[in-house]
Structures are given as structure tokens and as C-alpha cells.
Amino acid sequence: MICYRLVCVHEHSFEGWYKDSATFARLQENGLLSCPDCGTSDVKQALMAPAIAKGRSAQAPTKEVAEAPQETPTQGSNVPDKVMVAFQKMRQAVEQNCENMGDRFATEAVRIHHGEAPKRGIYGNATERERTMLREEGVDVVAVPWVKRPES
């Protein structure tokens, strides 16, 4: 997964998560991106600071993986409506662009990290112990809010 800093024509800035840069470009070309503040589809990438590698190696991380947390905000909670909509869009983007590994998430993330499985975006469930193990292995793990899908 890749995170882009985005800005709309009305100068609202926000983040978007995508499987890869080609997915972002395709969505942008088809007008399928929208600002969570005003809803306009006139959205482009904003300037971003470069990623700086930490630790002994000068290499940047080779991949990012997303993981659905156990606790999630729900409708009627103290989460503002705009934030819930953004979380719902994030869930939709993850589901459309990544493979659901369920409880096999940690195992598959390690396999990808070691080159034993194809490099791709994945998501699923992980215990705190598994998340700690992944971080110790050098696997980048991002916990995302996993809200209910919007009612149709």
C-alpha cells in the first residue's frame, strides 16, 4: 500500500491509501477520487516530504501492509460524520486494492517480506503479539480503523 497526501481544488488536504501508484493514477484519471470535506473530484497529489530510512540500513522499507484492528469506531460513537465517511472510504480502498488474509495475515506478511510470496498489498487480523513480531522482523504494519460499510 502507498499513502499519498492529496489536495482538492478548494485547498482541502487529506491522505489517500492505494495499492500502488498505477491504481492511484487510474482512479484519478476516471474521476473516482473525492475530497472528504467538499466532495469534489478535482483532486491531485500534494507535495510530500521524502521518506528517510531509519536504522542501520540506508534502504527504505520495501513494502507496506495494512491490518484491520480489533477495536473499531461505530456509528453513534463520538467520531464525527466526516471522519466516519473517510474511514469507510479507506476500508473500501483497502478491500478493492489488497488481498484479505484473515487470521493468516502475520504469516503471509512475513512470507512477502522474505520474498517467499509475491509482493502485494494485504490486510487481515493480527494479535498484539503478532504485530510486535512483524515489527521486529522489519515488516511495516499499519493499523487502520475498520468501520462498518455504509448502508446502501
C-alpha atoms as a PDB file:
ATOM      1  CA  MET A   1       0.000   0.000   0.000  1.00  0.00           C
ATOM      2  CA  ILE A   2       1.085   3.540  -0.655  1.00  0.00           C
ATOM      3  CA  CYS A   3      -0.122   6.691   1.085  1.00  0.00           C
ATOM      4  CA  TYR A   4      -0.426   9.911  -0.878  1.00  0.00           C
ATOM      5  CA  ARG A   5      -1.002  13.372   0.511  1.00  0.00           C
ATOM      6  CA  LEU A   6      -3.800  14.862  -1.623  1.00  0.00           C
ATOM      7  CA  VAL A   7      -5.330  18.297  -2.097  1.00  0.00           C
ATOM      8  CA  CYS A   8      -8.560  19.327  -3.793  1.00  0.00           C
ATOM      9  CA  VAL A   9      -9.243  22.393  -5.932  1.00  0.00           C
ATOM     10  CA  HIS A  10     -10.606  24.112  -2.773  1.00  0.00           C
ATOM     11  CA  GLU A  11      -7.272  23.503  -0.986  1.00  0.00           C
ATOM     12  CA  HIS A  12      -8.588  20.858   1.443  1.00  0.00           C
ATOM     13  CA  SER A  13      -5.735  18.455   2.158  1.00  0.00           C
ATOM     14  CA  PHE A  14      -6.122  14.802   3.128  1.00  0.00           C
ATOM     15  CA  GLU A  15      -4.456  11.406   2.745  1.00  0.00           C
ATOM     16  CA  GLY A  16      -5.370   8.545   0.443  1.00  0.00           C
ATOM     17  CA  TRP A  17      -4.185   4.920   0.585  1.00  0.00           C
ATOM     18  CA  TYR A  18      -3.724   2.971  -2.657  1.00  0.00           C
ATOM     19  CA  LYS A  19      -2.430  -0.418  -3.746  1.00  0.00           C
ATOM     20  CA  ASP A  20       0.234   1.252  -5.893  1.00  0.00           C
ATOM     21  CA  SER A  21       0.874   4.392  -7.947  1.00  0.00           C
ATOM     22  CA  ALA A  22      -0.829   2.881 -11.026  1.00  0.00           C
ATOM     23  CA  THR A  23      -4.042   2.354  -9.036  1.00  0.00           C
ATOM     24  CA  PHE A  24      -3.942   5.968  -7.863  1.00  0.00           C
ATOM     25  CA  ALA A  25      -3.386   7.214 -11.432  1.00  0.00           C
ATOM     26  CA  ARG A  26      -6.278   5.099 -12.773  1.00  0.00           C
ATOM     27  CA  LEU A  27      -8.679   6.347 -10.083  1.00  0.00           C
ATOM     28  CA  GLN A  28      -7.597   9.953 -10.657  1.00  0.00           C
ATOM     29  CA  GLU A  29      -7.992   9.685 -14.451  1.00  0.00           C
ATOM     30  CA  ASN A  30     -11.515   8.287 -14.051  1.00  0.00           C
ATOM     31  CA  GLY A  31     -12.561  10.996 -11.570  1.00  0.00           C
ATOM     32  CA  LEU A  32     -13.071   8.425  -8.804  1.00  0.00           C
ATOM     33  CA  LEU A  33     -11.190  10.343  -6.120  1.00  0.00           C
ATOM     34  CA  SER A  34     -13.117  12.792  -3.961  1.00  0.00           C
ATOM     35  CA  CYS A  35     -12.392  15.259  -1.202  1.00  0.00           C
ATOM     36  CA  PRO A  36     -13.852  14.151   2.163  1.00  0.00           C
ATOM     37  CA  ASP A  37     -14.555  17.813   3.055  1.00  0.00           C
ATOM     38  CA  CYS A  38     -16.357  19.123  -0.019  1.00  0.00           C
ATOM     39  CA  GLY A  39     -16.861  16.072  -2.245  1.00  0.00           C
ATOM     40  CA  THR A  40     -15.194  17.499  -5.358  1.00  0.00           C
ATOM     41  CA  SER A  41     -13.443  15.023  -7.631  1.00  0.00           C
ATOM     42  CA  ASP A  42     -10.904  17.652  -8.711  1.00  0.00           C
ATOM     43  CA  VAL A  43      -8.117  16.117  -6.592  1.00  0.00           C
ATOM     44  CA  LYS A  44      -4.364  15.956  -7.146  1.00  0.00           C
ATOM     45  CA  GLN A  45      -1.253  14.898  -5.265  1.00  0.00           C
ATOM     46  CA  ALA A  46       0.176  17.449  -2.849  1.00  0.00           C
ATOM     47  CA  LEU A  47       3.873  17.902  -2.213  1.00  0.00           C
ATOM     48  CA  MET A  48       5.217  15.355   0.251  1.00  0.00           C
ATOM     49  CA  ALA A  49       8.386  15.129   2.295  1.00  0.00           C
ATOM     50  CA  PRO A  50      10.681  12.305   1.179  1.00  0.00           C
ATOM     51  CA  ALA A  51      10.812   9.132   3.255  1.00  0.00           C
ATOM     52  CA  ILE A  52      14.033   8.829   5.234  1.00  0.00           C
ATOM     53  CA  ALA A  53      15.163   5.336   6.193  1.00  0.00           C
ATOM     54  CA  LYS A  54      15.871   4.701   9.870  1.00  0.00           C
ATOM     55  CA  GLY A  55      18.247   2.240  11.465  1.00  0.00           C
ATOM     56  CA  ARG A  56      21.419   0.637  10.143  1.00  0.00           C
ATOM     57  CA  SER A  57      20.368   0.233   6.533  1.00  0.00           C
ATOM     58  CA  ALA A  58      20.074   3.126   4.117  1.00  0.00           C
ATOM     59  CA  GLN A  59      17.314   1.287   2.250  1.00  0.00           C
ATOM     60  CA  ALA A  60      13.719   2.392   2.566  1.00  0.00           C
ATOM     61  CA  PRO A  61      11.146  -0.248   3.553  1.00  0.00           C
ATOM     62  CA  THR A  62      10.272  -2.499   0.615  1.00  0.00           C
ATOM     63  CA  LYS A  63       6.541  -2.730   1.266  1.00  0.00           C
ATOM     64  CA  GLU A  64       3.717  -1.679   3.474  1.00  0.00           C
ATOM     65  CA  VAL A  65       0.897  -3.837   4.710  1.00  0.00           C
ATOM     66  CA  ALA A  66      -2.415  -2.875   6.225  1.00  0.00           C
ATOM     67  CA  GLU A  67      -4.090  -4.642   9.097  1.00  0.00           C
ATOM     68  CA  ALA A  68      -7.607  -4.362  10.448  1.00  0.00           C
ATOM     69  CA  PRO A  69      -7.619  -3.687  14.207  1.00  0.00           C
ATOM     70  CA  GLN A  70      -9.837  -5.440  16.736  1.00  0.00           C
ATOM     71  CA  GLU A  71     -11.494  -2.275  18.067  1.00  0.00           C
ATOM     72  CA  THR A  72     -13.310  -0.071  15.576  1.00  0.00           C
ATOM     73  CA  PRO A  73     -15.364   3.105  15.751  1.00  0.00           C
ATOM     74  CA  THR A  74     -19.084   2.645  15.168  1.00  0.00           C
ATOM     75  CA  GLN A  75     -21.936   4.854  14.036  1.00  0.00           C
ATOM     76  CA  GLY A  76     -23.283   6.794  17.004  1.00  0.00           C
ATOM     77  CA  SER A  77     -19.866   6.967  18.684  1.00  0.00           C
ATOM     78  CA  ASN A  78     -18.022  10.247  19.280  1.00  0.00           C
ATOM     79  CA  VAL A  79     -16.448  10.008  15.829  1.00  0.00           C
ATOM     80  CA  PRO A  80     -17.583  12.927  13.606  1.00  0.00           C
ATOM     81  CA  ASP A  81     -19.539  12.028  10.457  1.00  0.00           C
ATOM     82  CA  LYS A  82     -16.773  13.311   8.142  1.00  0.00           C
ATOM     83  CA  VAL A  83     -14.278  11.037   9.862  1.00  0.00           C
ATOM     84  CA  MET A  84     -16.617   8.023   9.615  1.00  0.00           C
ATOM     85  CA  VAL A  85     -17.037   8.672   5.885  1.00  0.00           C
ATOM     86  CA  ALA A  86     -13.256   8.876   5.489  1.00  0.00           C
ATOM     87  CA  PHE A  87     -12.830   5.588   7.424  1.00  0.00           C
ATOM     88  CA  GLN A  88     -15.479   3.943   5.226  1.00  0.00           C
ATOM     89  CA  LYS A  89     -13.683   5.135   2.074  1.00  0.00           C
ATOM     90  CA  MET A  90     -10.392   3.866   3.472  1.00  0.00           C
ATOM     91  CA  ARG A  91     -11.948   0.447   4.110  1.00  0.00           C
ATOM     92  CA  GLN A  92     -13.351   0.393   0.582  1.00  0.00           C
ATOM     93  CA  ALA A  93      -9.946   1.273  -0.895  1.00  0.00           C
ATOM     94  CA  VAL A  94      -8.193  -1.427   1.126  1.00  0.00           C
ATOM     95  CA  GLU A  95     -10.778  -4.054   0.175  1.00  0.00           C
ATOM     96  CA  GLN A  96     -10.593  -3.133  -3.522  1.00  0.00           C
ATOM     97  CA  ASN A  97      -6.804  -2.961  -3.740  1.00  0.00           C
ATOM     98  CA  CYS A  98      -5.489  -5.539  -1.281  1.00  0.00           C
ATOM     99  CA  GLU A  99      -5.915  -9.238  -0.563  1.00  0.00           C
ATOM    100  CA  ASN A 100      -7.699 -10.278   2.653  1.00  0.00           C
ATOM    101  CA  MET A 101      -5.546 -12.785   4.532  1.00  0.00           C
ATOM    102  CA  GLY A 102      -7.833 -13.019   7.585  1.00  0.00           C
ATOM    103  CA  ASP A 103      -6.058 -14.671  10.522  1.00  0.00           C
ATOM    104  CA  ARG A 104      -3.173 -15.689   8.198  1.00  0.00           C
ATOM    105  CA  PHE A 105      -2.124 -12.019   7.914  1.00  0.00           C
ATOM    106  CA  ALA A 106       1.070 -12.181  10.001  1.00  0.00           C
ATOM    107  CA  THR A 107       2.292 -15.388   8.356  1.00  0.00           C
ATOM    108  CA  GLU A 108       1.743 -14.039   4.831  1.00  0.00           C
ATOM    109  CA  ALA A 109       3.303 -10.661   5.685  1.00  0.00           C
ATOM    110  CA  VAL A 110       6.491 -12.447   6.792  1.00  0.00           C
ATOM    111  CA  ARG A 111       6.471 -14.608   3.633  1.00  0.00           C
ATOM    112  CA  ILE A 112       6.189 -11.463   1.475  1.00  0.00           C
ATOM    113  CA  HIS A 113       8.927  -9.744   3.491  1.00  0.00           C
ATOM    114  CA  HIS A 114      11.314 -12.679   2.915  1.00  0.00           C
ATOM    115  CA  GLY A 115      10.468 -12.931  -0.803  1.00  0.00           C
ATOM    116  CA  GLU A 116       8.710 -16.295  -0.367  1.00  0.00           C
ATOM    117  CA  ALA A 117       5.387 -14.899  -1.648  1.00  0.00           C
ATOM    118  CA  PRO A 118       4.579 -12.308  -4.333  1.00  0.00           C
ATOM    119  CA  LYS A 119       4.883  -8.683  -3.209  1.00  0.00           C
ATOM    120  CA  ARG A 120       1.377  -7.199  -2.894  1.00  0.00           C
ATOM    121  CA  GLY A 121      -0.887  -5.281  -0.537  1.00  0.00           C
ATOM    122  CA  ILE A 122      -2.575  -7.458   2.048  1.00  0.00           C
ATOM    123  CA  TYR A 123      -4.792  -6.948   5.072  1.00  0.00           C
ATOM    124  CA  GLY A 124      -6.241  -9.088   7.828  1.00  0.00           C
ATOM    125  CA  ASN A 125      -6.201  -9.712  11.550  1.00  0.00           C
ATOM    126  CA  ALA A 126      -3.192  -9.774  13.867  1.00  0.00           C
ATOM    127  CA  THR A 127      -2.810 -10.094  17.599  1.00  0.00           C
ATOM    128  CA  GLU A 128      -0.638  -7.638  19.526  1.00  0.00           C
ATOM    129  CA  ARG A 129       1.986 -10.375  19.803  1.00  0.00           C
ATOM    130  CA  GLU A 130       1.935 -10.889  16.013  1.00  0.00           C
ATOM    131  CA  ARG A 131       2.201  -7.131  15.397  1.00  0.00           C
ATOM    132  CA  THR A 132       5.239  -6.978  17.692  1.00  0.00           C
ATOM    133  CA  MET A 133       6.829  -9.932  15.871  1.00  0.00           C
ATOM    134  CA  LEU A 134       6.192  -8.267  12.490  1.00  0.00           C
ATOM    135  CA  ARG A 135       7.817  -5.021  13.605  1.00  0.00           C
ATOM    136  CA  GLU A 136      10.817  -6.942  14.993  1.00  0.00           C
ATOM    137  CA  GLU A 137      11.135  -8.708  11.598  1.00  0.00           C
ATOM    138  CA  GLY A 138      11.206  -5.300   9.907  1.00  0.00           C
ATOM    139  CA  VAL A 139       7.751  -5.582   8.347  1.00  0.00           C
ATOM    140  CA  ASP A 140       5.911  -2.265   8.170  1.00  0.00           C
ATOM    141  CA  VAL A 141       2.444  -2.721   9.649  1.00  0.00           C
ATOM    142  CA  VAL A 142      -0.253  -0.068   9.584  1.00  0.00           C
ATOM    143  CA  ALA A 143      -3.372  -0.463  11.719  1.00  0.00           C
ATOM    144  CA  VAL A 144      -6.406   1.025  10.010  1.00  0.00           C
ATOM    145  CA  PRO A 145      -9.822   1.778  11.528  1.00  0.00           C
ATOM    146  CA  TRP A 146     -12.173  -0.939  10.278  1.00  0.00           C
ATOM    147  CA  VAL A 147     -15.664   0.561  10.328  1.00  0.00           C
ATOM    148  CA  LYS A 148     -18.889  -0.939   9.074  1.00  0.00           C
ATOM    149  CA  ARG A 149     -19.624  -0.470   5.403  1.00  0.00           C
ATOM    150  CA  PRO A 150     -22.028   2.363   4.603  1.00  0.00           C
ATOM    151  CA  GLU A 151     -25.634   1.265   4.401  1.00  0.00           C
ATOM    152  CA  SER A 152     -26.873   1.114   0.825  1.00  0.00           C
END
